[in-house]
Protein backbone atom coordinates (compact mmCIF):
# COMPACT_ATOMS: atom_id res chain seq x y z
CA UNK A 1 -9.92 -72.18 76.57
CA UNK A 2 -13.59 -72.71 76.93
CA UNK A 3 -15.03 -75.25 74.50
CA UNK A 4 -17.89 -73.87 72.21
CA UNK A 5 -19.38 -74.29 68.90
CA UNK A 6 -17.80 -70.95 67.80
CA UNK A 7 -14.80 -69.21 69.06
CA UNK A 8 -13.19 -65.85 68.70
CA UNK A 9 -9.62 -66.38 67.23
CA UNK A 10 -7.07 -63.60 67.32
CA UNK A 11 -4.97 -63.38 64.26
CA UNK A 12 -2.15 -61.07 63.36
CA UNK A 13 -0.96 -60.45 59.87
CA UNK A 14 2.41 -58.84 59.00
CA UNK A 15 3.07 -58.05 55.32
CA UNK A 16 6.00 -56.51 53.48
CA UNK A 17 4.61 -54.98 50.44
CA UNK A 18 7.85 -53.72 48.95
CA UNK A 19 9.55 -57.30 48.88
CA UNK A 20 8.79 -59.52 46.08
CA UNK A 21 9.49 -63.27 46.41
CA UNK A 22 8.56 -66.49 44.81
CA UNK A 23 6.00 -68.83 46.41
CA UNK A 24 8.52 -71.49 47.05
CA UNK A 25 10.50 -69.10 49.23
CA UNK A 26 7.93 -69.38 52.05
CA UNK A 27 10.05 -72.02 53.88
CA UNK A 28 13.13 -69.74 53.53
CA UNK A 29 11.12 -67.07 55.15
CA UNK A 30 10.32 -69.46 57.89
CA UNK A 31 13.86 -70.45 58.45
CA UNK A 32 15.15 -66.74 58.45
CA UNK A 33 12.54 -65.59 61.18
CA UNK A 34 13.03 -68.91 63.14
CA UNK A 35 16.66 -68.29 63.34
CA UNK A 36 16.38 -64.50 63.84
CA UNK A 37 14.01 -64.78 66.77
CA UNK A 38 14.91 -68.37 67.96
CA UNK A 39 15.39 -67.23 71.52
CA UNK A 40 11.90 -65.72 71.83
CA UNK A 41 9.71 -68.83 71.21
CA UNK A 42 9.34 -72.29 69.65
CA UNK A 43 6.29 -71.05 67.79
CA UNK A 44 8.44 -69.26 65.27
CA UNK A 45 9.94 -72.43 63.91
CA UNK A 46 7.85 -75.24 65.46
CA UNK A 47 10.76 -76.86 67.23
CA UNK A 48 11.61 -77.10 70.80
CA UNK A 49 15.02 -76.13 72.30
CA UNK A 50 16.31 -79.66 72.03
CA UNK A 51 15.62 -79.68 68.38
CA UNK A 52 12.54 -81.90 68.57
CA UNK A 53 9.63 -81.18 66.47
CA UNK A 54 6.46 -79.25 68.03
CA UNK A 55 3.69 -81.72 66.84
CA UNK A 56 0.83 -79.14 66.91
CA UNK A 57 -0.95 -76.82 64.49
CA UNK A 58 1.46 -73.97 63.73
CA UNK A 59 0.50 -70.76 65.31
CA UNK A 60 2.79 -68.83 63.18
CA UNK A 61 2.77 -69.50 59.34
CA UNK A 62 5.02 -67.95 56.56
CA UNK A 63 3.48 -67.20 53.27
CA UNK A 64 4.26 -65.57 49.86
CA UNK A 65 0.84 -64.59 48.50
CA UNK A 66 0.92 -62.72 45.11
CA UNK A 67 4.75 -62.47 45.53
CA UNK A 68 4.26 -60.65 48.96
CA UNK A 69 5.73 -62.02 52.04
CA UNK A 70 3.26 -62.58 54.98
CA UNK A 71 3.65 -63.62 58.41
CA UNK A 72 0.43 -64.98 60.15
CA UNK A 73 0.13 -65.37 63.72
CA UNK A 74 -2.78 -67.06 65.64
CA UNK A 75 -3.64 -66.67 69.43
CA UNK A 76 -0.21 -66.78 71.25
CA UNK A 77 1.50 -66.40 67.76
CA UNK A 78 -0.60 -63.38 67.12
CA UNK A 79 0.67 -61.70 70.35
CA UNK A 80 4.26 -62.85 69.51
CA UNK A 81 4.23 -61.26 66.21
CA UNK A 82 2.90 -57.96 67.63
CA UNK A 83 5.79 -57.96 69.99
CA UNK A 84 8.48 -58.67 67.29
CA UNK A 85 7.05 -56.32 64.64
CA UNK A 86 9.10 -53.18 65.41
CA UNK A 87 12.25 -55.40 65.67
CA UNK A 88 12.11 -56.48 61.95
CA UNK A 89 14.41 -54.34 60.14
CA UNK A 90 15.56 -56.50 57.10
CA UNK A 91 14.70 -59.89 55.51
CA UNK A 92 17.51 -62.11 54.13
CA UNK A 93 16.54 -64.79 51.62
CA UNK A 94 19.15 -66.78 49.66
CA UNK A 95 21.97 -64.61 50.88
CA UNK A 96 20.17 -61.46 49.42
CA UNK A 97 19.21 -58.79 52.05
CA UNK A 98 15.98 -56.88 51.62
CA UNK A 99 15.83 -53.66 53.85
CA UNK A 100 12.29 -53.38 55.28
CA UNK A 101 11.16 -49.68 54.60
CA UNK A 102 7.41 -50.59 54.65
CA UNK A 103 5.61 -53.22 56.74
CA UNK A 104 2.01 -53.40 57.53
CA UNK A 105 0.44 -55.18 60.63
CA UNK A 106 -3.18 -55.73 61.32
CA UNK A 107 -4.86 -57.67 64.29
CA UNK A 108 -8.40 -59.02 64.22
CA UNK A 109 -10.71 -61.16 66.39
CA UNK A 110 -12.41 -63.64 63.82
CA UNK A 111 -15.15 -65.85 64.62
CA UNK A 112 -14.54 -69.51 63.72
CA UNK A 113 -16.50 -72.63 64.02
CA UNK A 114 -19.67 -74.15 62.82
CA UNK A 115 -22.08 -72.10 60.50
CA UNK A 116 -25.68 -72.34 59.56
CA UNK A 117 -24.72 -70.86 56.00
CA UNK A 118 -22.40 -72.06 53.36
CA UNK A 119 -19.03 -70.35 52.65
CA UNK A 120 -16.79 -70.86 49.63
CA UNK A 121 -13.03 -70.68 50.03
CA UNK A 122 -10.28 -70.63 47.47
CA UNK A 123 -6.78 -72.11 48.10
CA UNK A 124 -4.33 -69.30 47.50
CA UNK A 125 -1.48 -71.67 47.82
CA UNK A 126 -1.26 -75.54 46.82
CA UNK A 127 -3.18 -77.78 49.25
CA UNK A 128 -1.21 -80.88 50.28
CA UNK A 129 -4.02 -83.01 51.35
CA UNK A 130 -2.45 -86.47 51.21
CA UNK A 131 0.02 -88.12 53.61
CA UNK A 132 2.09 -91.42 52.94
CA UNK A 133 -0.88 -93.41 54.30
CA UNK A 134 -3.68 -92.03 52.42
CA UNK A 135 -1.87 -91.35 49.19
CA UNK A 136 -1.70 -95.10 48.20
CA UNK A 137 -5.41 -95.40 48.97
CA UNK A 138 -6.14 -92.34 46.76
CA UNK A 139 -4.27 -93.47 43.74
CA UNK A 140 -5.77 -96.93 43.98
CA UNK A 141 -9.26 -95.60 43.60
CA UNK A 142 -10.49 -96.17 40.10
CA UNK A 143 -13.54 -93.81 40.04
CA UNK A 144 -13.61 -90.03 40.18
CA UNK A 145 -16.52 -90.19 42.82
CA UNK A 146 -14.31 -92.34 45.14
CA UNK A 147 -11.42 -89.85 44.86
CA UNK A 148 -13.74 -86.81 45.36
CA UNK A 149 -15.54 -88.49 48.34
CA UNK A 150 -12.03 -89.03 49.93
CA UNK A 151 -10.63 -85.59 49.44
CA UNK A 152 -13.91 -84.13 50.89
CA UNK A 153 -13.40 -86.36 53.92
CA UNK A 154 -9.74 -85.25 54.31
CA UNK A 155 -10.63 -81.75 53.89
CA UNK A 156 -13.36 -82.06 56.78
CA UNK A 157 -10.75 -83.69 58.91
CA UNK A 158 -8.32 -80.78 58.38
CA UNK A 159 -11.09 -78.25 59.30
CA UNK A 160 -12.09 -80.25 62.42
CA UNK A 161 -8.44 -80.50 63.36
CA UNK A 162 -8.11 -76.75 63.15
CA UNK A 163 -11.35 -76.21 65.21
CA UNK A 164 -10.06 -78.55 67.81
CA UNK A 165 -6.68 -76.69 68.25
CA UNK A 166 -8.47 -73.39 69.18
CA UNK A 167 -11.19 -74.94 71.36
CA UNK A 168 -14.15 -75.36 68.87
CA UNK A 169 -16.25 -78.41 69.48
CA UNK A 170 -19.28 -79.20 67.64
CA UNK A 171 -22.46 -80.47 69.16
CA UNK A 172 -23.55 -84.00 68.15
CA UNK A 173 -26.16 -82.75 65.61
CA UNK A 174 -23.59 -80.36 64.02
CA UNK A 175 -21.69 -81.83 60.99
CA UNK A 176 -19.28 -80.10 58.84
CA UNK A 177 -20.10 -80.84 55.19
CA UNK A 178 -17.50 -80.20 52.41
CA UNK A 179 -17.76 -80.14 48.59
CA UNK A 180 -14.55 -79.45 46.75
CA UNK A 181 -13.75 -78.31 43.15
CA UNK A 182 -10.12 -79.10 43.13
CA UNK A 183 -7.64 -79.76 40.49
CA UNK A 184 -4.61 -82.19 40.90
CA UNK A 185 -1.15 -80.70 40.57
CA UNK A 186 2.40 -81.83 41.51
CA UNK A 187 4.98 -79.73 43.54
CA UNK A 188 8.53 -80.37 44.58
CA UNK A 189 8.71 -80.66 48.47
CA UNK A 190 11.97 -81.30 50.28
CA UNK A 191 13.34 -82.65 47.04
CA UNK A 192 10.55 -84.94 46.24
CA UNK A 193 7.71 -84.76 43.80
CA UNK A 194 4.39 -84.63 45.69
CA UNK A 195 0.81 -84.59 44.66
CA UNK A 196 -1.04 -81.35 45.60
CA UNK A 197 -4.26 -79.71 44.67
CA UNK A 198 -5.46 -76.19 43.67
CA UNK A 199 -9.06 -74.91 43.44
CA UNK A 200 -11.89 -74.16 45.92
CA UNK A 201 -14.30 -75.73 48.38
CA UNK A 202 -17.76 -75.03 49.83
CA UNK A 203 -18.48 -75.79 53.41
CA UNK A 204 -20.60 -74.83 56.48
CA UNK A 205 -17.60 -73.72 58.61
CA UNK A 206 -16.39 -70.18 59.34
CA UNK A 207 -12.62 -70.08 58.81
CA UNK A 208 -10.30 -67.16 58.64
CA UNK A 209 -8.46 -65.81 55.75
CA UNK A 210 -4.90 -66.79 55.09
CA UNK A 211 -4.73 -69.74 57.63
CA UNK A 212 -3.49 -72.89 56.20
CA UNK A 213 -5.05 -76.44 56.06
CA UNK A 214 -3.37 -79.74 55.55
CA UNK A 215 0.34 -80.42 55.52
CA UNK A 216 3.28 -78.00 55.94
CA UNK A 217 0.87 -74.99 56.76
CA UNK A 218 3.82 -73.23 58.40
CA UNK A 219 5.61 -73.22 55.13
CA UNK A 220 2.71 -71.59 53.31
CA UNK A 221 0.87 -74.61 51.80
CA UNK A 222 -2.90 -74.81 51.88
CA UNK A 223 -3.56 -71.18 52.43
CA UNK A 224 -7.23 -70.28 52.14
CA UNK A 225 -9.29 -67.21 51.46
CA UNK A 226 -13.05 -66.63 51.40
CA UNK A 227 -14.41 -65.94 47.99
């Protein structure tokens, strides 16, 4: 992929408007489709055939947004979802089978990368911005400013990581600037209580709706939408 300040990103979205699930069911959605189509591609479950983890930004992401299940595919993942669309006849979550009578698919080419203007994005699902390493540092900060500066820096890193995955490289004079308006929350993740955040942020970056930033984006965390 050619390296540029901006890139066109192919994105496919599949929605199941008649199925209502809880936000926390996103990982079950991932488990279901990952198993159903496991022979097609490791992109669907982010594991290789030997069971090892695929340490890359997930090109297929599973989300429950306003109770509606969504599958988001990027680049290779966008093409894969298009191929599998007609094969999806039902969804099984928690042992309950939901027949798929209605499903919507859309595919777009979205420009991503550096922007001369400012854009505001809202987190549609909780953002897990902290890992084990920076969690201790975050909670040790005494002042609100220190915590805010740290979250801005982490979010900037997540945006740059997203750009790098899809071939966006900024010029030396181009810097991504982020200002967040986040509220601290907690969530249960894999049986553990984790610190997470809700809210919005402003930045000079073009990002597509419904992609995830931060940890566990394939499970629906950190999903953003332009305000």
